[in-house]
C-alpha atoms as a PDB file:
ATOM      1  CA  PRO A   1      -0.173-113.969  -6.098  1.00  0.00           C
ATOM      2  CA  ALA A   2      -3.056-114.945  -3.777  1.00  0.00           C
ATOM      3  CA  GLU A   3      -4.067-111.300  -3.368  1.00  0.00           C
ATOM      4  CA  GLN A   4      -3.855-110.800  -7.119  1.00  0.00           C
ATOM      5  CA  ILE A   5      -6.068-113.828  -7.708  1.00  0.00           C
ATOM      6  CA  ALA A   6      -8.658-112.504  -5.248  1.00  0.00           C
ATOM      7  CA  GLY A   7      -8.554-109.059  -6.860  1.00  0.00           C
ATOM      8  CA  PHE A   8      -8.970-110.451 -10.362  1.00  0.00           C
ATOM      9  CA  ARG A   9     -11.865-112.629  -9.172  1.00  0.00           C
ATOM     10  CA  ALA A  10     -13.612-109.638  -7.587  1.00  0.00           C
ATOM     11  CA  MET A  11     -13.280-107.632 -10.788  1.00  0.00           C
ATOM     12  CA  ALA A  12     -14.534-110.553 -12.886  1.00  0.00           C
ATOM     13  CA  GLN A  13     -17.536-110.917 -10.579  1.00  0.00           C
ATOM     14  CA  GLU A  14     -18.271-107.240 -11.255  1.00  0.00           C
ATOM     15  CA  GLY A  15     -18.554-108.177 -14.931  1.00  0.00           C
ATOM     16  CA  LYS A  16     -15.135-107.147 -16.225  1.00  0.00           C
ATOM     17  CA  THR A  17     -13.525-109.310 -18.903  1.00  0.00           C
ATOM     18  CA  PRO A  18      -9.928-110.556 -18.634  1.00  0.00           C
ATOM     19  CA  ALA A  19      -8.966-107.990 -21.284  1.00  0.00           C
ATOM     20  CA  GLN A  20     -10.551-105.160 -19.280  1.00  0.00           C
ATOM     21  CA  ILE A  21      -8.888-106.319 -16.060  1.00  0.00           C
ATOM     22  CA  GLY A  22      -5.554-106.580 -17.836  1.00  0.00           C
ATOM     23  CA  ASP A  23      -5.894-103.118 -19.352  1.00  0.00           C
ATOM     24  CA  LEU A  24      -6.745-101.591 -15.976  1.00  0.00           C
ATOM     25  CA  LEU A  25      -3.904-103.264 -14.102  1.00  0.00           C
ATOM     26  CA  GLY A  26      -1.221-103.650 -16.753  1.00  0.00           C
ATOM     27  CA  TYR A  27      -1.383-107.416 -17.325  1.00  0.00           C
ATOM     28  CA  SER A  28      -1.991-109.425 -20.465  1.00  0.00           C
ATOM     29  CA  PRO A  29      -5.444-110.948 -20.848  1.00  0.00           C
ATOM     30  CA  ARG A  30      -3.779-114.394 -20.867  1.00  0.00           C
ATOM     31  CA  HIS A  31      -2.148-113.738 -17.477  1.00  0.00           C
ATOM     32  CA  VAL A  32      -5.503-112.644 -16.071  1.00  0.00           C
ATOM     33  CA  GLN A  33      -7.162-115.790 -17.463  1.00  0.00           C
ATOM     34  CA  ARG A  34      -4.492-118.002 -15.858  1.00  0.00           C
ATOM     35  CA  MET A  35      -4.941-116.307 -12.496  1.00  0.00           C
ATOM     36  CA  LEU A  36      -8.741-116.518 -12.736  1.00  0.00           C
ATOM     37  CA  LYS A  37      -8.429-120.273 -13.322  1.00  0.00           C
ATOM     38  CA  LEU A  38      -6.564-120.479 -10.001  1.00  0.00           C
ATOM     39  CA  ALA A  39      -9.400-118.635  -8.245  1.00  0.00           C
ATOM     40  CA  ASP A  40     -11.418-121.861  -8.425  1.00  0.00           C
ATOM     41  CA  LEU A  41      -8.907-123.844  -6.372  1.00  0.00           C
ATOM     42  CA  ALA A  42      -9.899-125.251  -2.999  1.00  0.00           C
ATOM     43  CA  PRO A  43      -9.561-122.619  -0.239  1.00  0.00           C
ATOM     44  CA  VAL A  44      -6.899-124.619   1.624  1.00  0.00           C
ATOM     45  CA  ILE A  45      -4.716-124.472  -1.487  1.00  0.00           C
ATOM     46  CA  LEU A  46      -5.190-120.729  -1.897  1.00  0.00           C
ATOM     47  CA  ASP A  47      -4.303-120.351   1.798  1.00  0.00           C
ATOM     48  CA  ALA A  48      -1.073-122.287   1.214  1.00  0.00           C
ATOM     49  CA  LEU A  49      -0.278-119.976  -1.705  1.00  0.00           C
ATOM     50  CA  ALA A  50      -0.951-116.900   0.446  1.00  0.00           C
ATOM     51  CA  GLU A  51       1.392-118.303   3.112  1.00  0.00           C
ATOM     52  CA  ASP A  52       4.112-118.911   0.463  1.00  0.00           C
ATOM     53  CA  ARG A  53       4.078-122.637   1.199  1.00  0.00           C
ATOM     54  CA  ILE A  54       3.479-123.405  -2.486  1.00  0.00           C
ATOM     55  CA  THR A  55       4.032-121.567  -5.763  1.00  0.00           C
ATOM     56  CA  THR A  56       1.720-120.502  -8.553  1.00  0.00           C
ATOM     57  CA  GLU A  57       3.251-123.338 -10.582  1.00  0.00           C
ATOM     58  CA  HIS A  58       2.042-125.818  -7.949  1.00  0.00           C
ATOM     59  CA  CYS A  59      -1.376-124.170  -8.131  1.00  0.00           C
ATOM     60  CA  GLN A  60      -1.462-124.395 -11.911  1.00  0.00           C
ATOM     61  CA  ALA A  61      -0.778-128.123 -11.678  1.00  0.00           C
ATOM     62  CA  LEU A  62      -3.528-128.581  -9.086  1.00  0.00           C
ATOM     63  CA  ALA A  63      -5.949-126.491 -11.171  1.00  0.00           C
ATOM     64  CA  LEU A  64      -5.838-129.136 -13.894  1.00  0.00           C
ATOM     65  CA  GLU A  65      -8.280-131.028 -11.651  1.00  0.00           C
ATOM     66  CA  ASN A  66     -11.692-129.333 -11.454  1.00  0.00           C
ATOM     67  CA  ASP A  67     -12.924-131.321  -8.434  1.00  0.00           C
ATOM     68  CA  THR A  68     -11.862-129.364  -5.341  1.00  0.00           C
ATOM     69  CA  ALA A  69     -12.053-132.459  -3.119  1.00  0.00           C
ATOM     70  CA  ARG A  70      -9.598-134.221  -5.422  1.00  0.00           C
ATOM     71  CA  GLN A  71      -7.395-131.099  -5.481  1.00  0.00           C
ATOM     72  CA  VAL A  72      -7.176-131.288  -1.694  1.00  0.00           C
ATOM     73  CA  GLN A  73      -6.348-135.010  -1.793  1.00  0.00           C
ATOM     74  CA  VAL A  74      -3.523-134.430  -4.259  1.00  0.00           C
ATOM     75  CA  PHE A  75      -2.309-131.374  -2.330  1.00  0.00           C
ATOM     76  CA  GLU A  76      -2.223-133.268   0.976  1.00  0.00           C
ATOM     77  CA  ALA A  77      -0.390-136.200  -0.606  1.00  0.00           C
ATOM     78  CA  ALA A  78       2.111-133.812  -2.180  1.00  0.00           C
ATOM     79  CA  CYS A  79       2.670-132.073   1.167  1.00  0.00           C
ATOM     80  CA  GLN A  80       3.493-135.421   2.746  1.00  0.00           C
ATOM     81  CA  SER A  81       6.036-135.925  -0.030  1.00  0.00           C
ATOM     82  CA  GLY A  82       7.736-132.592   0.578  1.00  0.00           C
ATOM     83  CA  TRP A  83       5.548-129.850  -0.916  1.00  0.00           C
ATOM     84  CA  GLY A  84       4.439-126.969   1.270  1.00  0.00           C
END
């Protein structure tokens, strides 16, 4: 999923819409939008996703917070409680 997120982000930065990205790669526009939302997560969280220490569901929960510093705080607290 981390590679997919990075790929979707690169295509979006080139000016492609979620619908165009989805059409090119065989995903629904909604799936692309969800993954693009995760692209804004703090880098340490995306690294944990790439290392399979957390799931996309964990990332979706963390993405509810827009402040990346707060995302990291919540992520670190969750890791101490058994995540990742």
